[in-house]
Amino acid sequence: GFRLGKVCFGEISQPDQISWLVKNLGKDS
């Protein structure tokens, strides 16, 4: 995707998107 300062816009490029979210989302995300 794209970055605008601290904000990223785009899409998960992994087939199992829920697993990606579980692995990568932090409490400040």
Full PDB file with SEQRES, HELIX, SHEET, SSBOND, CRYST1, ORIGX, SCALE, CONECT and MASTER records, all heavy atoms in Angstrom:
SEQRES   1 A   29  GLY PHE ARG LEU GLY LYS VAL CYS PHE GLY GLU ILE SER          
SEQRES   2 A   29  GLN PRO ASP GLN ILE SER TRP LEU VAL LYS ASN LEU GLY          
SEQRES   3 A   29  LYS ASP SER                                                  
HELIX    1 AA1 GLN A   17  ASN A   24  1                                   8    
SHEET    1 AA1 2 PHE A   2  LEU A   4  0                                        
SHEET    2 AA1 2 VAL A   7  PHE A   9 -1                                        
CRYST1    1.000    1.000    1.000  90.00  90.00  90.00 P 1           1          
ORIGX1      1.000000  0.000000  0.000000        0.00000                         
ORIGX2      0.000000  1.000000  0.000000        0.00000                         
ORIGX3      0.000000  0.000000  1.000000        0.00000                         
SCALE1      1.000000  0.000000  0.000000        0.00000                         
SCALE2      0.000000  1.000000  0.000000        0.00000                         
SCALE3      0.000000  0.000000  1.000000        0.00000                         
ATOM      1  N   GLY A   1       0.795  -1.216   0.000  1.00  0.00           N  
ATOM      2  CA  GLY A   1       0.000   0.000   0.000  1.00  0.00           C  
ATOM      3  C   GLY A   1       0.824   1.260   0.000  1.00  0.00           C  
ATOM      4  O   GLY A   1       1.908   1.322  -0.569  1.00  0.00           O  
ATOM      5  N   PHE A   2       0.304   2.272   0.679  1.00  0.00           N  
ATOM      6  CA  PHE A   2       0.893   3.606   0.735  1.00  0.00           C  
ATOM      7  C   PHE A   2       1.081   4.012   2.187  1.00  0.00           C  
ATOM      8  O   PHE A   2       0.332   3.590   3.055  1.00  0.00           O  
ATOM      9  CB  PHE A   2      -0.047   4.632   0.072  1.00  0.00           C  
ATOM     10  CG  PHE A   2      -0.406   4.296  -1.339  1.00  0.00           C  
ATOM     11  CD1 PHE A   2      -1.547   3.571  -1.632  1.00  0.00           C  
ATOM     12  CD2 PHE A   2       0.401   4.706  -2.381  1.00  0.00           C  
ATOM     13  CE1 PHE A   2      -1.898   3.267  -2.929  1.00  0.00           C  
ATOM     14  CE2 PHE A   2       0.066   4.411  -3.693  1.00  0.00           C  
ATOM     15  CZ  PHE A   2      -1.082   3.688  -3.967  1.00  0.00           C  
ATOM     16  N   ARG A   3       2.058   4.860   2.431  1.00  0.00           N  
ATOM     17  CA  ARG A   3       2.283   5.413   3.769  1.00  0.00           C  
ATOM     18  C   ARG A   3       2.078   6.925   3.705  1.00  0.00           C  
ATOM     19  O   ARG A   3       2.558   7.590   2.800  1.00  0.00           O  
ATOM     20  CB  ARG A   3       3.695   5.093   4.240  1.00  0.00           C  
ATOM     21  CG  ARG A   3       3.986   5.568   5.649  1.00  0.00           C  
ATOM     22  CD  ARG A   3       5.421   5.301   6.074  1.00  0.00           C  
ATOM     23  NE  ARG A   3       5.812   3.925   5.938  1.00  0.00           N  
ATOM     24  CZ  ARG A   3       5.647   2.982   6.881  1.00  0.00           C  
ATOM     25  NH1 ARG A   3       5.065   3.289   8.015  1.00  0.00           N  
ATOM     26  NH2 ARG A   3       6.056   1.748   6.683  1.00  0.00           N  
ATOM     27  N   LEU A   4       1.364   7.451   4.683  1.00  0.00           N  
ATOM     28  CA  LEU A   4       1.169   8.890   4.830  1.00  0.00           C  
ATOM     29  C   LEU A   4       1.471   9.196   6.297  1.00  0.00           C  
ATOM     30  O   LEU A   4       0.630   9.002   7.164  1.00  0.00           O  
ATOM     31  CB  LEU A   4      -0.258   9.285   4.456  1.00  0.00           C  
ATOM     32  CG  LEU A   4      -0.580  10.768   4.476  1.00  0.00           C  
ATOM     33  CD1 LEU A   4       0.299  11.532   3.498  1.00  0.00           C  
ATOM     34  CD2 LEU A   4      -2.044  11.005   4.150  1.00  0.00           C  
ATOM     35  N   GLY A   5       2.706   9.588   6.579  1.00  0.00           N  
ATOM     36  CA  GLY A   5       3.139   9.759   7.961  1.00  0.00           C  
ATOM     37  C   GLY A   5       3.141   8.404   8.652  1.00  0.00           C  
ATOM     38  O   GLY A   5       3.744   7.456   8.172  1.00  0.00           O  
ATOM     39  N   LYS A   6       2.427   8.297   9.768  1.00  0.00           N  
ATOM     40  CA  LYS A   6       2.331   7.042  10.511  1.00  0.00           C  
ATOM     41  C   LYS A   6       1.208   6.143   9.998  1.00  0.00           C  
ATOM     42  O   LYS A   6       1.047   5.034  10.452  1.00  0.00           O  
ATOM     43  CB  LYS A   6       2.058   7.320  11.987  1.00  0.00           C  
ATOM     44  CG  LYS A   6       3.186   7.943  12.731  1.00  0.00           C  
ATOM     45  CD  LYS A   6       2.750   8.090  14.181  1.00  0.00           C  
ATOM     46  CE  LYS A   6       3.829   8.593  15.067  1.00  0.00           C  
ATOM     47  NZ  LYS A   6       3.373   8.686  16.454  1.00  0.00           N  
ATOM     48  N   VAL A   7       0.418   6.634   9.065  1.00  0.00           N  
ATOM     49  CA  VAL A   7      -0.763   5.910   8.601  1.00  0.00           C  
ATOM     50  C   VAL A   7      -0.434   5.153   7.313  1.00  0.00           C  
ATOM     51  O   VAL A   7       0.167   5.711   6.396  1.00  0.00           O  
ATOM     52  CB  VAL A   7      -1.939   6.884   8.352  1.00  0.00           C  
ATOM     53  CG1 VAL A   7      -3.153   6.152   7.826  1.00  0.00           C  
ATOM     54  CG2 VAL A   7      -2.272   7.643   9.625  1.00  0.00           C  
ATOM     55  N   CYS A   8      -0.849   3.887   7.258  1.00  0.00           N  
ATOM     56  CA  CYS A   8      -0.666   3.064   6.062  1.00  0.00           C  
ATOM     57  C   CYS A   8      -2.027   2.734   5.473  1.00  0.00           C  
ATOM     58  O   CYS A   8      -2.958   2.399   6.204  1.00  0.00           O  
ATOM     59  CB  CYS A   8       0.065   1.767   6.405  1.00  0.00           C  
ATOM     60  SG  CYS A   8       1.735   2.023   6.997  1.00  0.00           S  
ATOM     61  N   PHE A   9      -2.133   2.849   4.158  1.00  0.00           N  
ATOM     62  CA  PHE A   9      -3.343   2.516   3.426  1.00  0.00           C  
ATOM     63  C   PHE A   9      -3.003   1.386   2.477  1.00  0.00           C  
ATOM     64  O   PHE A   9      -1.963   1.416   1.838  1.00  0.00           O  
ATOM     65  CB  PHE A   9      -3.841   3.709   2.598  1.00  0.00           C  
ATOM     66  CG  PHE A   9      -4.129   4.930   3.394  1.00  0.00           C  
ATOM     67  CD1 PHE A   9      -3.142   5.875   3.616  1.00  0.00           C  
ATOM     68  CD2 PHE A   9      -5.383   5.137   3.914  1.00  0.00           C  
ATOM     69  CE1 PHE A   9      -3.402   7.011   4.345  1.00  0.00           C  
ATOM     70  CE2 PHE A   9      -5.656   6.270   4.654  1.00  0.00           C  
ATOM     71  CZ  PHE A   9      -4.667   7.212   4.869  1.00  0.00           C  
ATOM     72  N   GLY A  10      -3.855   0.409   2.361  1.00  0.00           N  
ATOM     73  CA  GLY A  10      -3.587  -0.661   1.414  1.00  0.00           C  
ATOM     74  C   GLY A  10      -4.317  -1.921   1.780  1.00  0.00           C  
ATOM     75  O   GLY A  10      -5.410  -1.869   2.353  1.00  0.00           O  
ATOM     76  N   GLU A  11      -3.682  -3.050   1.482  1.00  0.00           N  
ATOM     77  CA  GLU A  11      -4.332  -4.321   1.774  1.00  0.00           C  
ATOM     78  C   GLU A  11      -3.311  -5.376   2.153  1.00  0.00           C  
ATOM     79  O   GLU A  11      -2.142  -5.311   1.778  1.00  0.00           O  
ATOM     80  CB  GLU A  11      -5.173  -4.792   0.596  1.00  0.00           C  
ATOM     81  CG  GLU A  11      -4.412  -5.010  -0.665  1.00  0.00           C  
ATOM     82  CD  GLU A  11      -5.335  -5.386  -1.815  1.00  0.00           C  
ATOM     83  OE1 GLU A  11      -6.491  -4.935  -1.869  1.00  0.00           O  
ATOM     84  OE2 GLU A  11      -4.878  -6.146  -2.679  1.00  0.00           O  
ATOM     85  N   ILE A  12      -3.791  -6.329   2.897  1.00  0.00           N  
ATOM     86  CA  ILE A  12      -2.980  -7.462   3.319  1.00  0.00           C  
ATOM     87  C   ILE A  12      -2.743  -8.331   2.095  1.00  0.00           C  
ATOM     88  O   ILE A  12      -3.683  -8.696   1.400  1.00  0.00           O  
ATOM     89  CB  ILE A  12      -3.694  -8.250   4.428  1.00  0.00           C  
ATOM     90  CG1 ILE A  12      -3.935  -7.348   5.635  1.00  0.00           C  
ATOM     91  CG2 ILE A  12      -2.889  -9.486   4.820  1.00  0.00           C  
ATOM     92  CD1 ILE A  12      -4.908  -7.919   6.652  1.00  0.00           C  
ATOM     93  N   SER A  13      -1.481  -8.657   1.856  1.00  0.00           N  
ATOM     94  CA  SER A  13      -1.140  -9.443   0.671  1.00  0.00           C  
ATOM     95  C   SER A  13      -0.868 -10.908   1.018  1.00  0.00           C  
ATOM     96  O   SER A  13      -0.138 -11.586   0.316  1.00  0.00           O  
ATOM     97  CB  SER A  13       0.069  -8.814  -0.037  1.00  0.00           C  
ATOM     98  OG  SER A  13       1.142  -8.637   0.854  1.00  0.00           O  
ATOM     99  N   GLN A  14      -1.467 -11.379   2.091  1.00  0.00           N  
ATOM    100  CA  GLN A  14      -1.355 -12.774   2.528  1.00  0.00           C  
ATOM    101  C   GLN A  14      -2.695 -13.459   2.308  1.00  0.00           C  
ATOM    102  O   GLN A  14      -3.746 -12.838   2.470  1.00  0.00           O  
ATOM    103  CB  GLN A  14      -1.016 -12.840   4.025  1.00  0.00           C  
ATOM    104  CG  GLN A  14       0.265 -12.134   4.394  1.00  0.00           C  
ATOM    105  CD  GLN A  14       1.479 -12.903   3.951  1.00  0.00           C  
ATOM    106  OE1 GLN A  14       1.560 -14.103   4.128  1.00  0.00           O  
ATOM    107  NE2 GLN A  14       2.409 -12.213   3.324  1.00  0.00           N  
ATOM    108  N   PRO A  15      -2.706 -14.751   1.976  1.00  0.00           N  
ATOM    109  CA  PRO A  15      -3.985 -15.433   1.763  1.00  0.00           C  
ATOM    110  C   PRO A  15      -4.848 -15.512   3.025  1.00  0.00           C  
ATOM    111  O   PRO A  15      -6.056 -15.345   2.955  1.00  0.00           O  
ATOM    112  CB  PRO A  15      -3.605 -16.831   1.290  1.00  0.00           C  
ATOM    113  CG  PRO A  15      -2.131 -16.887   1.217  1.00  0.00           C  
ATOM    114  CD  PRO A  15      -1.564 -15.593   1.688  1.00  0.00           C  
ATOM    115  N   ASP A  16      -4.235 -15.750   4.189  1.00  0.00           N  
ATOM    116  CA  ASP A  16      -4.994 -15.830   5.443  1.00  0.00           C  
ATOM    117  C   ASP A  16      -4.883 -14.489   6.164  1.00  0.00           C  
ATOM    118  O   ASP A  16      -3.992 -14.269   6.981  1.00  0.00           O  
ATOM    119  CB  ASP A  16      -4.472 -16.974   6.309  1.00  0.00           C  
ATOM    120  CG  ASP A  16      -5.318 -17.188   7.554  1.00  0.00           C  
ATOM    121  OD1 ASP A  16      -6.218 -16.361   7.832  1.00  0.00           O  
ATOM    122  OD2 ASP A  16      -5.074 -18.179   8.261  1.00  0.00           O  
ATOM    123  N   GLN A  17      -5.789 -13.598   5.845  1.00  0.00           N  
ATOM    124  CA  GLN A  17      -5.709 -12.238   6.351  1.00  0.00           C  
ATOM    125  C   GLN A  17      -5.985 -12.139   7.848  1.00  0.00           C  
ATOM    126  O   GLN A  17      -5.370 -11.318   8.531  1.00  0.00           O  
ATOM    127  CB  GLN A  17      -6.643 -11.348   5.545  1.00  0.00           C  
ATOM    128  CG  GLN A  17      -6.179 -11.282   4.099  1.00  0.00           C  
ATOM    129  CD  GLN A  17      -7.106 -10.526   3.200  1.00  0.00           C  
ATOM    130  OE1 GLN A  17      -8.285 -10.364   3.474  1.00  0.00           O  
ATOM    131  NE2 GLN A  17      -6.575 -10.043   2.095  1.00  0.00           N  
ATOM    132  N   ILE A  18      -6.866 -12.950   8.368  1.00  0.00           N  
ATOM    133  CA  ILE A  18      -7.127 -12.939   9.815  1.00  0.00           C  
ATOM    134  C   ILE A  18      -5.868 -13.331  10.582  1.00  0.00           C  
ATOM    135  O   ILE A  18      -5.515 -12.697  11.577  1.00  0.00           O  
ATOM    136  CB  ILE A  18      -8.315 -13.846  10.186  1.00  0.00           C  
ATOM    137  CG1 ILE A  18      -9.622 -13.261   9.636  1.00  0.00           C  
ATOM    138  CG2 ILE A  18      -8.410 -14.042  11.693  1.00  0.00           C  
ATOM    139  CD1 ILE A  18     -10.082 -11.967  10.286  1.00  0.00           C  
ATOM    140  N   SER A  19      -5.151 -14.341  10.126  1.00  0.00           N  
ATOM    141  CA  SER A  19      -3.900 -14.731  10.788  1.00  0.00           C  
ATOM    142  C   SER A  19      -2.891 -13.593  10.745  1.00  0.00           C  
ATOM    143  O   SER A  19      -2.157 -13.366  11.713  1.00  0.00           O  
ATOM    144  CB  SER A  19      -3.302 -15.978  10.136  1.00  0.00           C  
ATOM    145  OG  SER A  19      -4.105 -17.084  10.392  1.00  0.00           O  
ATOM    146  N   TRP A  20      -2.836 -12.865   9.625  1.00  0.00           N  
ATOM    147  CA  TRP A  20      -1.938 -11.718   9.525  1.00  0.00           C  
ATOM    148  C   TRP A  20      -2.313 -10.669  10.565  1.00  0.00           C  
ATOM    149  O   TRP A  20      -1.453 -10.107  11.243  1.00  0.00           O  
ATOM    150  CB  TRP A  20      -1.983 -11.124   8.122  1.00  0.00           C  
ATOM    151  CG  TRP A  20      -0.953 -10.048   7.909  1.00  0.00           C  
ATOM    152  CD1 TRP A  20       0.305 -10.206   7.424  1.00  0.00           C  
ATOM    153  CD2 TRP A  20      -1.098  -8.655   8.202  1.00  0.00           C  
ATOM    154  NE1 TRP A  20       0.954  -8.999   7.397  1.00  0.00           N  
ATOM    155  CE2 TRP A  20       0.116  -8.027   7.871  1.00  0.00           C  
ATOM    156  CE3 TRP A  20      -2.123  -7.872   8.722  1.00  0.00           C  
ATOM    157  CZ2 TRP A  20       0.328  -6.655   8.035  1.00  0.00           C  
ATOM    158  CZ3 TRP A  20      -1.920  -6.511   8.888  1.00  0.00           C  
ATOM    159  CH2 TRP A  20      -0.709  -5.919   8.538  1.00  0.00           C  
ATOM    160  N   LEU A  21      -3.607 -10.387  10.701  1.00  0.00           N  
ATOM    161  CA  LEU A  21      -4.062  -9.405  11.679  1.00  0.00           C  
ATOM    162  C   LEU A  21      -3.699  -9.834  13.095  1.00  0.00           C  
ATOM    163  O   LEU A  21      -3.213  -9.036  13.895  1.00  0.00           O  
ATOM    164  CB  LEU A  21      -5.568  -9.189  11.556  1.00  0.00           C  
ATOM    165  CG  LEU A  21      -6.026  -8.441  10.304  1.00  0.00           C  
ATOM    166  CD1 LEU A  21      -7.533  -8.566  10.130  1.00  0.00           C  
ATOM    167  CD2 LEU A  21      -5.606  -6.982  10.374  1.00  0.00           C  
ATOM    168  N   VAL A  22      -3.940 -11.102  13.423  1.00  0.00           N  
ATOM    169  CA  VAL A  22      -3.617 -11.624  14.760  1.00  0.00           C  
ATOM    170  C   VAL A  22      -2.123 -11.441  15.043  1.00  0.00           C  
ATOM    171  O   VAL A  22      -1.730 -11.023  16.128  1.00  0.00           O  
ATOM    172  CB  VAL A  22      -4.028 -13.114  14.892  1.00  0.00           C  
ATOM    173  CG1 VAL A  22      -3.401 -13.763  16.098  1.00  0.00           C  
ATOM    174  CG2 VAL A  22      -5.545 -13.232  14.933  1.00  0.00           C  
ATOM    175  N   LYS A  23      -1.302 -11.716  14.064  1.00  0.00           N  
ATOM    176  CA  LYS A  23       0.152 -11.661  14.240  1.00  0.00           C  
ATOM    177  C   LYS A  23       0.686 -10.225  14.286  1.00  0.00           C  
ATOM    178  O   LYS A  23       1.624  -9.937  15.016  1.00  0.00           O  
ATOM    179  CB  LYS A  23       0.830 -12.417  13.103  1.00  0.00           C  
ATOM    180  CG  LYS A  23       2.327 -12.447  13.181  1.00  0.00           C  
ATOM    181  CD  LYS A  23       2.918 -13.235  12.027  1.00  0.00           C  
ATOM    182  CE  LYS A  23       4.438 -13.161  12.052  1.00  0.00           C  
ATOM    183  NZ  LYS A  23       5.032 -13.763  10.874  1.00  0.00           N  
ATOM    184  N   ASN A  24       0.093  -9.311  13.527  1.00  0.00           N  
ATOM    185  CA  ASN A  24       0.693  -7.993  13.329  1.00  0.00           C  
ATOM    186  C   ASN A  24       0.024  -6.822  14.034  1.00  0.00           C  
ATOM    187  O   ASN A  24       0.647  -5.769  14.155  1.00  0.00           O  
ATOM    188  CB  ASN A  24       0.771  -7.693  11.828  1.00  0.00           C  
ATOM    189  CG  ASN A  24       1.781  -8.575  11.150  1.00  0.00           C  
ATOM    190  OD1 ASN A  24       2.979  -8.369  11.264  1.00  0.00           O  
ATOM    191  ND2 ASN A  24       1.300  -9.595  10.462  1.00  0.00           N  
ATOM    192  N   LEU A  25      -1.212  -6.954  14.469  1.00  0.00           N  
ATOM    193  CA  LEU A  25      -1.857  -5.808  15.121  1.00  0.00           C  
ATOM    194  C   LEU A  25      -1.395  -5.693  16.568  1.00  0.00           C  
ATOM    195  O   LEU A  25      -1.453  -6.642  17.322  1.00  0.00           O  
ATOM    196  CB  LEU A  25      -3.382  -5.962  15.106  1.00  0.00           C  
ATOM    197  CG  LEU A  25      -4.096  -5.619  13.821  1.00  0.00           C  
ATOM    198  CD1 LEU A  25      -5.594  -5.769  14.013  1.00  0.00           C  
ATOM    199  CD2 LEU A  25      -3.772  -4.237  13.336  1.00  0.00           C  
ATOM    200  N   GLY A  26      -0.962  -4.508  16.928  1.00  0.00           N  
ATOM    201  CA  GLY A  26      -0.614  -4.217  18.310  1.00  0.00           C  
ATOM    202  C   GLY A  26      -1.698  -3.368  18.938  1.00  0.00           C  
ATOM    203  O   GLY A  26      -2.629  -2.920  18.270  1.00  0.00           O  
ATOM    204  N   LYS A  27      -1.577  -3.117  20.237  1.00  0.00           N  
ATOM    205  CA  LYS A  27      -2.624  -2.337  20.917  1.00  0.00           C  
ATOM    206  C   LYS A  27      -2.634  -0.875  20.470  1.00  0.00           C  
ATOM    207  O   LYS A  27      -3.630  -0.194  20.611  1.00  0.00           O  
ATOM    208  CB  LYS A  27      -2.492  -2.451  22.427  1.00  0.00           C  
ATOM    209  CG  LYS A  27      -1.255  -1.841  23.008  1.00  0.00           C  
ATOM    210  CD  LYS A  27      -1.239  -1.998  24.503  1.00  0.00           C  
ATOM    211  CE  LYS A  27       0.037  -1.383  25.060  1.00  0.00           C  
ATOM    212  NZ  LYS A  27       0.078  -1.459  26.496  1.00  0.00           N  
ATOM    213  N   ASP A  28      -1.525  -0.404  19.886  1.00  0.00           N  
ATOM    214  CA  ASP A  28      -1.484   0.963  19.379  1.00  0.00           C  
ATOM    215  C   ASP A  28      -1.809   1.051  17.896  1.00  0.00           C  
ATOM    216  O   ASP A  28      -1.743   2.123  17.304  1.00  0.00           O  
ATOM    217  CB  ASP A  28      -0.095   1.566  19.636  1.00  0.00           C  
ATOM    218  CG  ASP A  28       0.186   1.746  21.118  1.00  0.00           C  
ATOM    219  OD1 ASP A  28      -0.777   1.956  21.881  1.00  0.00           O  
ATOM    220  OD2 ASP A  28       1.356   1.664  21.514  1.00  0.00           O  
ATOM    221  N   SER A  29      -2.144  -0.086  17.285  1.00  0.00           N  
ATOM    222  CA  SER A  29      -2.525  -0.117  15.872  1.00  0.00           C  
ATOM    223  C   SER A  29      -4.036   0.028  15.754  1.00  0.00           C  
ATOM    224  O   SER A  29      -4.768  -0.313  16.670  1.00  0.00           O  
ATOM    225  CB  SER A  29      -2.141  -1.456  15.243  1.00  0.00           C  
ATOM    226  OG  SER A  29      -0.774  -1.693  15.332  1.00  0.00           O  
TER     227      SER A  29                                                      
MASTER        0    0    0    1    2    0    0    6  226    1    0    3          
END                                                                             
